[in-house]
Amino acid sequence: MFIFHDFDGKKIAELTDVNIVIGEAQDALDLISDLGSQGHSRMIIYEQNLSKDFFDLKTRLAGDILQKFSNYHFKLAIIGDFSKYTSKSLRDFIRESNRGNMIFFAEDLQSALRRF
């Protein structure tokens, strides 16, 4: 389910199970709780681990899920090819997220690890 990285002295959990899809805020809380109890506060997930509704900002799912990570001070990297999304609001959302240091979108594992 997870691969654990020790990168630059930081413990980072990478969700590798493609069958796990975060479709609501509770799913995110379950992952945060599980990893937090093991001493982790950083996680990498992939685009396919998120419900398609996540990428439709009108559903508010992205905000609900990412708010949980922020509330629990859990850093999150989301890896994928986001260039295929044409929504200006989604592109702006990704750009704004990438300006911060809690939640960001990356194109590959190495760039995600470096961001942490």
C-alpha atoms as a PDB file:
ATOM      1  CA  MET A   1       0.000   0.000   0.000  1.00  0.00           C
ATOM      2  CA  PHE A   2       2.829   2.426   0.869  1.00  0.00           C
ATOM      3  CA  ILE A   3       6.496   2.754   0.095  1.00  0.00           C
ATOM      4  CA  PHE A   4       8.388   4.751   2.706  1.00  0.00           C
ATOM      5  CA  HIS A   5      11.171   7.092   1.676  1.00  0.00           C
ATOM      6  CA  ASP A   6      13.794   8.667   3.887  1.00  0.00           C
ATOM      7  CA  PHE A   7      14.751  11.688   1.827  1.00  0.00           C
ATOM      8  CA  ASP A   8      17.099  14.253   3.297  1.00  0.00           C
ATOM      9  CA  GLY A   9      16.214  13.070   6.796  1.00  0.00           C
ATOM     10  CA  LYS A  10      12.470  13.342   6.188  1.00  0.00           C
ATOM     11  CA  LYS A  11      10.132  10.353   6.306  1.00  0.00           C
ATOM     12  CA  ILE A  12       7.755  10.392   3.344  1.00  0.00           C
ATOM     13  CA  ALA A  13       4.987   7.859   2.635  1.00  0.00           C
ATOM     14  CA  GLU A  14       4.187   7.156  -1.020  1.00  0.00           C
ATOM     15  CA  LEU A  15       0.780   5.637  -1.727  1.00  0.00           C
ATOM     16  CA  THR A  16       1.416   2.958  -4.344  1.00  0.00           C
ATOM     17  CA  ASP A  17      -1.916   1.128  -4.374  1.00  0.00           C
ATOM     18  CA  VAL A  18      -3.772   2.228  -7.512  1.00  0.00           C
ATOM     19  CA  ASN A  19      -6.976   0.706  -6.141  1.00  0.00           C
ATOM     20  CA  ILE A  20      -7.191   3.274  -3.339  1.00  0.00           C
ATOM     21  CA  VAL A  21      -9.212   6.281  -4.471  1.00  0.00           C
ATOM     22  CA  ILE A  22      -9.786   9.271  -2.229  1.00  0.00           C
ATOM     23  CA  GLY A  23     -13.374  10.166  -2.996  1.00  0.00           C
ATOM     24  CA  GLU A  24     -14.347  12.129   0.100  1.00  0.00           C
ATOM     25  CA  ALA A  25     -12.743  13.984   2.985  1.00  0.00           C
ATOM     26  CA  GLN A  26     -13.113  10.980   5.310  1.00  0.00           C
ATOM     27  CA  ASP A  27     -10.881   8.913   3.018  1.00  0.00           C
ATOM     28  CA  ALA A  28      -8.148  11.529   3.423  1.00  0.00           C
ATOM     29  CA  LEU A  29      -8.643  11.581   7.193  1.00  0.00           C
ATOM     30  CA  ASP A  30      -8.278   7.797   7.335  1.00  0.00           C
ATOM     31  CA  LEU A  31      -4.933   7.964   5.525  1.00  0.00           C
ATOM     32  CA  ILE A  32      -3.720  10.886   7.645  1.00  0.00           C
ATOM     33  CA  SER A  33      -4.702   9.069  10.829  1.00  0.00           C
ATOM     34  CA  ASP A  34      -3.046   5.816   9.791  1.00  0.00           C
ATOM     35  CA  LEU A  35       0.207   7.452   8.737  1.00  0.00           C
ATOM     36  CA  GLY A  36       0.214   9.986  11.556  1.00  0.00           C
ATOM     37  CA  SER A  37       0.025   7.186  14.119  1.00  0.00           C
ATOM     38  CA  GLN A  38       3.215   5.803  12.545  1.00  0.00           C
ATOM     39  CA  GLY A  39       5.029   9.134  12.855  1.00  0.00           C
ATOM     40  CA  HIS A  40       4.609  10.353   9.283  1.00  0.00           C
ATOM     41  CA  SER A  41       3.574  13.861   8.298  1.00  0.00           C
ATOM     42  CA  ARG A  42       4.336  13.789   4.565  1.00  0.00           C
ATOM     43  CA  MET A  43       2.601  11.836   1.838  1.00  0.00           C
ATOM     44  CA  ILE A  44       2.806  11.379  -1.909  1.00  0.00           C
ATOM     45  CA  ILE A  45      -0.250  10.307  -3.857  1.00  0.00           C
ATOM     46  CA  TYR A  46      -0.906   9.989  -7.560  1.00  0.00           C
ATOM     47  CA  GLU A  47      -3.542  11.577  -9.736  1.00  0.00           C
ATOM     48  CA  GLN A  48      -5.293   8.197 -10.095  1.00  0.00           C
ATOM     49  CA  ASN A  49      -5.675   8.029  -6.295  1.00  0.00           C
ATOM     50  CA  LEU A  50      -8.085  10.963  -6.468  1.00  0.00           C
ATOM     51  CA  SER A  51     -11.681  10.825  -7.582  1.00  0.00           C
ATOM     52  CA  LYS A  52     -12.349  12.490 -10.939  1.00  0.00           C
ATOM     53  CA  ASP A  53     -14.571  14.936  -9.008  1.00  0.00           C
ATOM     54  CA  PHE A  54     -11.445  16.258  -7.280  1.00  0.00           C
ATOM     55  CA  PHE A  55     -10.429  17.918 -10.547  1.00  0.00           C
ATOM     56  CA  ASP A  56     -13.832  19.575 -11.015  1.00  0.00           C
ATOM     57  CA  LEU A  57     -13.559  22.474  -8.575  1.00  0.00           C
ATOM     58  CA  LYS A  58     -17.322  23.064  -8.672  1.00  0.00           C
ATOM     59  CA  THR A  59     -17.768  19.884  -6.600  1.00  0.00           C
ATOM     60  CA  ARG A  60     -15.657  21.454  -3.785  1.00  0.00           C
ATOM     61  CA  LEU A  61     -14.106  18.018  -3.217  1.00  0.00           C
ATOM     62  CA  ALA A  62     -10.545  19.284  -3.770  1.00  0.00           C
ATOM     63  CA  GLY A  63     -10.999  21.972  -1.133  1.00  0.00           C
ATOM     64  CA  ASP A  64     -12.588  19.564   1.346  1.00  0.00           C
ATOM     65  CA  ILE A  65      -9.831  16.977   0.954  1.00  0.00           C
ATOM     66  CA  LEU A  66      -6.901  19.375   0.923  1.00  0.00           C
ATOM     67  CA  GLN A  67      -8.277  21.236   3.927  1.00  0.00           C
ATOM     68  CA  LYS A  68      -7.880  18.034   5.964  1.00  0.00           C
ATOM     69  CA  PHE A  69      -4.206  17.828   5.058  1.00  0.00           C
ATOM     70  CA  SER A  70      -3.732  21.484   6.020  1.00  0.00           C
ATOM     71  CA  ASN A  71      -5.659  21.159   9.275  1.00  0.00           C
ATOM     72  CA  TYR A  72      -3.487  18.262  10.388  1.00  0.00           C
ATOM     73  CA  HIS A  73      -0.245  19.897   9.157  1.00  0.00           C
ATOM     74  CA  PHE A  74       0.300  16.981   6.794  1.00  0.00           C
ATOM     75  CA  LYS A  75       2.353  17.843   3.708  1.00  0.00           C
ATOM     76  CA  LEU A  76       1.027  16.386   0.469  1.00  0.00           C
ATOM     77  CA  ALA A  77       2.443  15.968  -3.018  1.00  0.00           C
ATOM     78  CA  ILE A  78       0.141  14.943  -5.846  1.00  0.00           C
ATOM     79  CA  ILE A  79       1.932  13.461  -8.852  1.00  0.00           C
ATOM     80  CA  GLY A  80       0.435  13.438 -12.313  1.00  0.00           C
ATOM     81  CA  ASP A  81       0.158  15.018 -15.718  1.00  0.00           C
ATOM     82  CA  PHE A  82      -2.043  18.011 -15.037  1.00  0.00           C
ATOM     83  CA  SER A  83      -1.492  19.659 -18.404  1.00  0.00           C
ATOM     84  CA  LYS A  84      -4.512  17.802 -19.797  1.00  0.00           C
ATOM     85  CA  TYR A  85      -6.907  19.799 -17.629  1.00  0.00           C
ATOM     86  CA  THR A  86      -8.195  22.824 -19.483  1.00  0.00           C
ATOM     87  CA  SER A  87     -10.109  24.499 -16.675  1.00  0.00           C
ATOM     88  CA  LYS A  88      -8.562  27.894 -15.951  1.00  0.00           C
ATOM     89  CA  SER A  89      -9.731  27.754 -12.338  1.00  0.00           C
ATOM     90  CA  LEU A  90      -8.086  24.341 -11.845  1.00  0.00           C
ATOM     91  CA  ARG A  91      -4.842  25.544 -13.424  1.00  0.00           C
ATOM     92  CA  ASP A  92      -4.915  28.603 -11.138  1.00  0.00           C
ATOM     93  CA  PHE A  93      -5.615  26.349  -8.151  1.00  0.00           C
ATOM     94  CA  ILE A  94      -2.619  24.145  -8.985  1.00  0.00           C
ATOM     95  CA  ARG A  95      -0.379  27.179  -9.517  1.00  0.00           C
ATOM     96  CA  GLU A  96      -1.441  28.713  -6.172  1.00  0.00           C
ATOM     97  CA  SER A  97      -0.949  25.412  -4.362  1.00  0.00           C
ATOM     98  CA  ASN A  98       2.550  25.129  -5.798  1.00  0.00           C
ATOM     99  CA  ARG A  99       3.453  28.542  -4.377  1.00  0.00           C
ATOM    100  CA  GLY A 100       2.975  27.204  -0.863  1.00  0.00           C
ATOM    101  CA  ASN A 101       4.833  24.468   0.924  1.00  0.00           C
ATOM    102  CA  MET A 102       2.051  22.277   2.380  1.00  0.00           C
ATOM    103  CA  ILE A 103       0.313  20.933  -0.727  1.00  0.00           C
ATOM    104  CA  PHE A 104       1.785  20.840  -4.185  1.00  0.00           C
ATOM    105  CA  PHE A 105       1.430  19.171  -7.552  1.00  0.00           C
ATOM    106  CA  ALA A 106       4.441  17.524  -9.204  1.00  0.00           C
ATOM    107  CA  GLU A 107       5.123  15.785 -12.482  1.00  0.00           C
ATOM    108  CA  ASP A 108       7.214  12.908 -11.102  1.00  0.00           C
ATOM    109  CA  LEU A 109       8.442  11.242  -7.934  1.00  0.00           C
ATOM    110  CA  GLN A 110      11.880  12.866  -7.887  1.00  0.00           C
ATOM    111  CA  SER A 111      10.507  16.406  -8.169  1.00  0.00           C
ATOM    112  CA  ALA A 112       7.984  15.620  -5.415  1.00  0.00           C
ATOM    113  CA  LEU A 113      10.704  14.299  -3.090  1.00  0.00           C
ATOM    114  CA  ARG A 114      12.870  17.367  -3.739  1.00  0.00           C
ATOM    115  CA  ARG A 115       9.973  19.678  -2.877  1.00  0.00           C
ATOM    116  CA  PHE A 116       9.660  18.158   0.582  1.00  0.00           C
END
